[in-house]
Protein backbone atom coordinates (compact mmCIF):
# COMPACT_ATOMS: atom_id res chain seq x y z
CA MET A 1 166.88 28.90 -2.38
CA VAL A 2 168.00 32.35 -1.32
CA GLN A 3 171.38 32.83 0.28
CA VAL A 4 171.67 34.06 3.88
CA LEU A 5 175.16 34.52 5.31
CA GLU A 6 175.83 33.53 8.90
CA GLU A 7 178.24 36.38 9.70
CA LEU A 8 175.82 39.19 8.80
CA LYS A 9 173.08 41.01 10.69
CA TYR A 10 169.68 41.65 9.07
CA THR A 11 166.69 43.99 9.22
CA ASN A 12 163.02 43.22 8.66
CA ASP A 13 163.30 45.51 5.60
CA HIS A 14 165.78 43.02 4.10
CA GLU A 15 168.95 45.04 4.47
CA TRP A 16 172.11 43.32 5.65
CA ALA A 17 174.91 44.80 7.74
CA HIS A 18 178.47 43.64 8.33
CA VAL A 19 180.84 45.15 10.90
CA GLU A 20 184.33 45.88 9.57
CA GLY A 21 186.28 47.56 12.36
CA ASP A 22 184.42 50.77 13.25
CA VAL A 23 182.51 50.81 9.94
CA LEU A 24 179.31 49.05 9.01
CA VAL A 25 178.96 47.84 5.40
CA MET A 26 175.34 47.63 4.21
CA GLY A 27 173.38 46.28 1.28
CA ILE A 28 170.17 44.45 0.48
CA THR A 29 169.77 40.72 0.94
CA ASP A 30 169.63 38.02 -1.68
CA TYR A 31 165.96 37.57 -0.75
CA ALA A 32 165.28 41.26 -1.43
CA GLN A 33 167.07 41.37 -4.77
CA ASP A 34 165.34 38.14 -5.82
CA SER A 35 161.93 39.59 -4.87
CA LEU A 36 162.61 42.87 -6.68
CA GLY A 37 163.81 41.33 -9.92
CA GLU A 38 166.26 43.05 -12.24
CA ILE A 39 167.61 46.19 -10.56
CA VAL A 40 167.98 49.03 -13.07
CA TYR A 41 168.79 52.06 -10.88
CA VAL A 42 170.12 52.82 -7.40
CA GLU A 43 169.68 56.12 -5.58
CA LEU A 44 172.59 56.58 -3.17
CA PRO A 45 173.28 59.10 -0.42
CA SER A 46 176.47 61.17 -0.58
CA GLU A 47 179.61 60.62 1.44
CA GLY A 48 179.32 62.72 4.59
CA ASP A 49 175.52 62.40 4.75
CA GLU A 50 174.00 61.44 8.07
CA ILE A 51 171.56 58.52 8.15
CA THR A 52 169.07 57.86 10.93
CA LYS A 53 168.03 54.41 12.09
CA GLY A 54 164.70 53.43 10.52
CA ASP A 55 164.66 56.28 7.98
CA PRO A 56 165.12 55.91 4.22
CA PHE A 57 168.61 56.72 2.94
CA GLY A 58 168.22 55.79 -0.73
CA ALA A 59 166.25 53.58 -3.09
CA VAL A 60 166.57 50.75 -5.56
CA GLU A 61 164.49 50.65 -8.71
CA SER A 62 163.77 47.39 -10.44
CA THR A 63 161.69 46.42 -13.43
CA LYS A 64 158.93 45.64 -10.90
CA ALA A 65 159.02 48.45 -8.32
CA VAL A 66 160.91 51.20 -6.52
CA SER A 67 161.86 50.31 -2.96
CA ASP A 68 163.28 52.58 -0.28
CA LEU A 69 166.43 51.54 1.56
CA TYR A 70 166.12 51.92 5.34
CA ALA A 71 169.01 52.62 7.68
CA PRO A 72 169.57 49.77 10.17
CA VAL A 73 171.60 52.16 12.39
CA SER A 74 172.35 55.86 12.71
CA GLY A 75 175.68 57.20 11.53
CA ASP A 76 177.72 59.07 8.95
CA VAL A 77 178.09 57.73 5.40
CA VAL A 78 181.83 57.28 4.85
CA GLU A 79 181.68 55.56 1.45
CA VAL A 80 179.13 54.76 -1.25
CA ASN A 81 179.45 52.04 -3.86
CA GLU A 82 179.77 54.23 -6.94
CA ALA A 83 180.06 51.14 -9.16
CA LEU A 84 176.29 50.73 -8.67
CA LEU A 85 175.62 53.97 -10.55
CA ASP A 86 176.85 52.38 -13.79
CA SER A 87 176.12 48.74 -12.88
CA PRO A 88 173.10 48.50 -10.55
CA GLU A 89 172.77 44.82 -11.55
CA LEU A 90 175.73 44.07 -9.23
CA ILE A 91 173.10 43.93 -6.49
CA ASN A 92 171.42 41.07 -8.37
CA THR A 93 174.59 39.17 -9.21
CA ASP A 94 176.52 39.65 -5.93
CA PRO A 95 174.31 41.21 -3.20
CA TYR A 96 176.76 40.41 -0.37
CA GLY A 97 179.96 41.32 -2.24
CA GLU A 98 180.31 43.72 -5.17
CA GLY A 99 176.68 44.78 -4.66
CA TRP A 100 177.23 46.43 -1.25
CA ILE A 101 175.56 49.85 -1.09
CA ILE A 102 177.09 52.07 1.61
CA LYS A 103 179.58 52.10 4.48
CA VAL A 104 178.67 53.95 7.66
CA LYS A 105 180.52 55.07 10.78
CA VAL A 106 178.02 54.02 13.45
CA TYR A 107 177.13 56.46 16.25
CA ASP A 108 175.91 53.84 18.73
CA PRO A 109 177.19 50.26 18.25
CA GLY A 110 174.42 49.15 20.65
CA GLU A 111 171.93 49.67 17.79
CA LEU A 112 173.40 46.56 16.16
CA ASN A 113 171.77 44.50 18.91
CA ASP A 114 168.37 45.34 17.39
CA LEU A 115 169.25 43.53 14.15
CA MET A 116 168.43 39.90 13.41
CA ASN A 117 171.04 37.18 13.33
CA PHE A 118 171.28 34.44 10.71
CA VAL A 119 168.77 32.10 12.41
CA ASP A 120 166.20 34.81 13.10
CA TYR A 121 166.40 36.19 9.56
CA ASN A 122 166.01 32.71 8.04
CA ASP A 123 162.87 32.23 10.16
CA PHE A 124 161.63 35.70 9.11
CA ILE A 125 161.97 35.06 5.36
CA GLU A 126 160.41 31.61 5.69
CA LYS A 127 157.32 33.31 7.15
CA GLU A 128 157.43 35.95 4.36
CA MET A 129 157.51 33.24 1.70
CA GLU A 130 154.43 31.55 3.24
CA LYS A 131 152.33 34.68 2.65
């Protein structure tokens, strides 16, 4: 059973987002890392880069595939998880903790309303698993 945390927001591209003050911490969900398999490389943006809601901002490469990471909101990248450069498997072992990917200063907090809550994301992945 994949883990879904109640306090997070989710996208239909399987990214998660957590508000910490005026910064949004982002990563990929347990479902996504489980589907991808062993993650061997992460392409990260740079601090100071601007990301745009819905556009790719990086990628994760696994033994199965390369998958783009899509921005759930627009904003400025204020921190990247550099530990992933040497240890991309942190996304597999701790997707909601040590495996976070970037932190963003959000331009429009209203964009967070477009993300799924815990219940909606659980329903979404149940439908995905039925395919």
